[in-house]
Amino acid sequence: MPDYEIRILQSNGIPALITSETQLTDLAAIRSARRLAQRGRSFEVWRGPECITGLATLPEPPTT
């Protein structure tokens, strides 16, 4: 079973939480990340050096 790193991101894209899990599939890891993220927060799921899902939602554009 592969190991995954899940990064829950702040609105500015900086990780607020990083956790690792062992899951059966990529889809199971993504589902777990969605549960951890809650309330539409952005997240990334990594399998080794490969990001298997980018940002779940795009960060807000910077204000000037």
N, C-alpha and C. Protein backbone atom coordinates (compact mmCIF):
# COMPACT_ATOMS: atom_id res chain seq x y z
N MET A 1 0.84 -1.17 0.00
CA MET A 1 0.00 0.00 0.00
C MET A 1 0.89 1.24 0.00
N PRO A 2 0.54 2.20 -0.86
CA PRO A 2 1.37 3.41 -0.94
C PRO A 2 1.16 4.35 0.25
N ASP A 3 2.20 5.11 0.54
CA ASP A 3 2.13 6.16 1.55
C ASP A 3 1.84 7.49 0.85
N TYR A 4 1.04 8.32 1.50
CA TYR A 4 0.65 9.61 0.96
C TYR A 4 0.94 10.70 1.98
N GLU A 5 1.24 11.88 1.47
CA GLU A 5 1.36 13.07 2.30
C GLU A 5 0.21 13.99 1.92
N ILE A 6 -0.55 14.42 2.92
CA ILE A 6 -1.68 15.32 2.70
C ILE A 6 -1.33 16.66 3.30
N ARG A 7 -1.46 17.70 2.49
CA ARG A 7 -1.18 19.06 2.95
C ARG A 7 -2.46 19.88 2.90
N ILE A 8 -2.92 20.33 4.05
CA ILE A 8 -4.06 21.23 4.12
C ILE A 8 -3.49 22.64 4.09
N LEU A 9 -3.96 23.46 3.15
CA LEU A 9 -3.35 24.75 2.89
C LEU A 9 -4.16 25.91 3.47
N GLN A 10 -3.45 26.95 3.88
CA GLN A 10 -4.07 28.20 4.27
C GLN A 10 -4.51 28.93 3.00
N SER A 11 -5.23 30.00 3.15
CA SER A 11 -5.72 30.74 1.98
C SER A 11 -4.59 31.30 1.12
N ASN A 12 -3.41 31.51 1.71
CA ASN A 12 -2.28 32.02 0.93
C ASN A 12 -1.43 30.90 0.32
N GLY A 13 -1.87 29.65 0.47
CA GLY A 13 -1.18 28.51 -0.14
C GLY A 13 -0.12 27.87 0.72
N ILE A 14 0.13 28.40 1.90
CA ILE A 14 1.12 27.84 2.81
C ILE A 14 0.47 26.71 3.60
N PRO A 15 1.15 25.56 3.73
CA PRO A 15 0.56 24.45 4.49
C PRO A 15 0.28 24.82 5.95
N ALA A 16 -0.94 24.51 6.38
CA ALA A 16 -1.33 24.70 7.77
C ALA A 16 -1.20 23.38 8.53
N LEU A 17 -1.31 22.27 7.80
CA LEU A 17 -1.23 20.93 8.39
C LEU A 17 -0.64 20.00 7.35
N ILE A 18 0.30 19.19 7.77
CA ILE A 18 0.87 18.16 6.90
C ILE A 18 0.78 16.85 7.66
N THR A 19 0.19 15.84 7.03
CA THR A 19 0.05 14.53 7.66
C THR A 19 0.39 13.46 6.64
N SER A 20 0.74 12.29 7.12
CA SER A 20 1.01 11.18 6.20
C SER A 20 0.09 10.02 6.55
N GLU A 21 -0.30 9.30 5.51
CA GLU A 21 -1.22 8.17 5.66
C GLU A 21 -0.84 7.09 4.68
N THR A 22 -1.24 5.87 5.00
CA THR A 22 -1.15 4.76 4.06
C THR A 22 -2.57 4.46 3.61
N GLN A 23 -2.79 4.47 2.30
CA GLN A 23 -4.13 4.22 1.75
C GLN A 23 -4.02 3.17 0.65
N LEU A 24 -5.13 2.55 0.31
CA LEU A 24 -5.14 1.53 -0.74
C LEU A 24 -4.96 2.13 -2.13
N THR A 25 -5.58 3.31 -2.36
CA THR A 25 -5.57 3.90 -3.70
C THR A 25 -5.42 5.42 -3.61
N ASP A 26 -5.12 6.02 -4.76
CA ASP A 26 -5.07 7.48 -4.84
C ASP A 26 -6.42 8.09 -4.45
N LEU A 27 -7.49 7.49 -4.95
CA LEU A 27 -8.83 8.01 -4.66
C LEU A 27 -9.13 7.99 -3.16
N ALA A 28 -8.72 6.93 -2.48
CA ALA A 28 -8.94 6.86 -1.03
C ALA A 28 -8.15 7.95 -0.31
N ALA A 29 -6.96 8.25 -0.78
CA ALA A 29 -6.15 9.31 -0.18
C ALA A 29 -6.79 10.67 -0.40
N ILE A 30 -7.35 10.90 -1.59
CA ILE A 30 -8.02 12.16 -1.90
C ILE A 30 -9.27 12.32 -1.05
N ARG A 31 -10.03 11.25 -0.88
CA ARG A 31 -11.21 11.31 -0.02
C ARG A 31 -10.83 11.67 1.42
N SER A 32 -9.76 11.06 1.90
CA SER A 32 -9.29 11.36 3.25
C SER A 32 -8.90 12.83 3.38
N ALA A 33 -8.23 13.35 2.36
CA ALA A 33 -7.82 14.76 2.36
C ALA A 33 -9.04 15.67 2.38
N ARG A 34 -10.08 15.33 1.63
CA ARG A 34 -11.30 16.14 1.63
C ARG A 34 -11.93 16.19 3.01
N ARG A 35 -11.93 15.05 3.71
CA ARG A 35 -12.49 15.02 5.07
C ARG A 35 -11.65 15.89 6.01
N LEU A 36 -10.34 15.82 5.88
CA LEU A 36 -9.46 16.63 6.72
C LEU A 36 -9.60 18.12 6.43
N ALA A 37 -9.76 18.46 5.16
CA ALA A 37 -9.78 19.87 4.75
C ALA A 37 -11.01 20.60 5.28
N GLN A 38 -12.17 20.01 5.22
CA GLN A 38 -13.42 20.62 5.68
C GLN A 38 -13.61 22.05 5.18
N ARG A 39 -14.82 22.42 5.04
CA ARG A 39 -15.23 23.78 4.69
C ARG A 39 -14.54 24.32 3.44
N GLY A 40 -14.22 23.46 2.49
CA GLY A 40 -13.70 23.93 1.22
C GLY A 40 -12.26 24.41 1.23
N ARG A 41 -11.51 24.10 2.28
CA ARG A 41 -10.10 24.51 2.31
C ARG A 41 -9.33 23.78 1.23
N SER A 42 -8.31 24.40 0.72
CA SER A 42 -7.47 23.82 -0.32
C SER A 42 -6.58 22.73 0.28
N PHE A 43 -6.23 21.76 -0.57
CA PHE A 43 -5.33 20.70 -0.13
C PHE A 43 -4.57 20.14 -1.32
N GLU A 44 -3.49 19.45 -1.00
CA GLU A 44 -2.70 18.71 -1.98
C GLU A 44 -2.49 17.31 -1.43
N VAL A 45 -2.44 16.33 -2.33
CA VAL A 45 -2.14 14.96 -1.95
C VAL A 45 -0.91 14.53 -2.75
N TRP A 46 0.10 14.06 -2.05
CA TRP A 46 1.36 13.64 -2.67
C TRP A 46 1.59 12.16 -2.45
N ARG A 47 2.01 11.46 -3.50
CA ARG A 47 2.47 10.08 -3.42
C ARG A 47 3.94 10.12 -3.78
N GLY A 48 4.78 10.06 -2.76
CA GLY A 48 6.21 10.24 -3.00
C GLY A 48 6.45 11.65 -3.54
N PRO A 49 7.25 11.77 -4.61
CA PRO A 49 7.54 13.10 -5.16
C PRO A 49 6.47 13.61 -6.13
N GLU A 50 5.40 12.82 -6.33
CA GLU A 50 4.36 13.18 -7.31
C GLU A 50 3.12 13.73 -6.63
N CYS A 51 2.71 14.92 -7.04
CA CYS A 51 1.45 15.51 -6.55
C CYS A 51 0.33 14.90 -7.36
N ILE A 52 -0.52 14.08 -6.73
CA ILE A 52 -1.57 13.40 -7.49
C ILE A 52 -2.82 14.24 -7.62
N THR A 53 -2.93 15.28 -6.83
CA THR A 53 -4.01 16.25 -7.02
C THR A 53 -3.47 17.62 -6.65
N GLY A 54 -3.74 18.57 -7.50
CA GLY A 54 -3.30 19.93 -7.22
C GLY A 54 -4.18 20.54 -6.17
N LEU A 55 -4.27 21.82 -6.19
CA LEU A 55 -5.14 22.50 -5.24
C LEU A 55 -6.58 22.09 -5.47
N ALA A 56 -7.29 21.79 -4.41
CA ALA A 56 -8.70 21.44 -4.53
C ALA A 56 -9.50 22.65 -4.97
N THR A 57 -9.10 23.81 -4.51
CA THR A 57 -9.70 25.06 -4.97
C THR A 57 -8.57 26.05 -5.17
N LEU A 58 -8.72 26.92 -6.09
CA LEU A 58 -7.67 27.90 -6.35
C LEU A 58 -7.65 28.95 -5.26
N PRO A 59 -6.47 29.37 -4.85
CA PRO A 59 -6.41 30.43 -3.85
C PRO A 59 -6.93 31.75 -4.43
N GLU A 60 -7.38 32.61 -3.55
CA GLU A 60 -7.85 33.93 -3.97
C GLU A 60 -6.70 34.71 -4.59
N PRO A 61 -6.96 35.47 -5.63
CA PRO A 61 -5.88 36.29 -6.20
C PRO A 61 -5.43 37.35 -5.20
N PRO A 62 -4.15 37.70 -5.23
CA PRO A 62 -3.67 38.72 -4.28
C PRO A 62 -4.33 40.06 -4.54
N THR A 63 -4.60 40.77 -3.47
CA THR A 63 -5.17 42.10 -3.59
C THR A 63 -4.05 43.13 -3.65
N THR A 64 -4.28 44.17 -4.40
CA THR A 64 -3.24 45.21 -4.53
C THR A 64 -3.63 46.47 -3.81
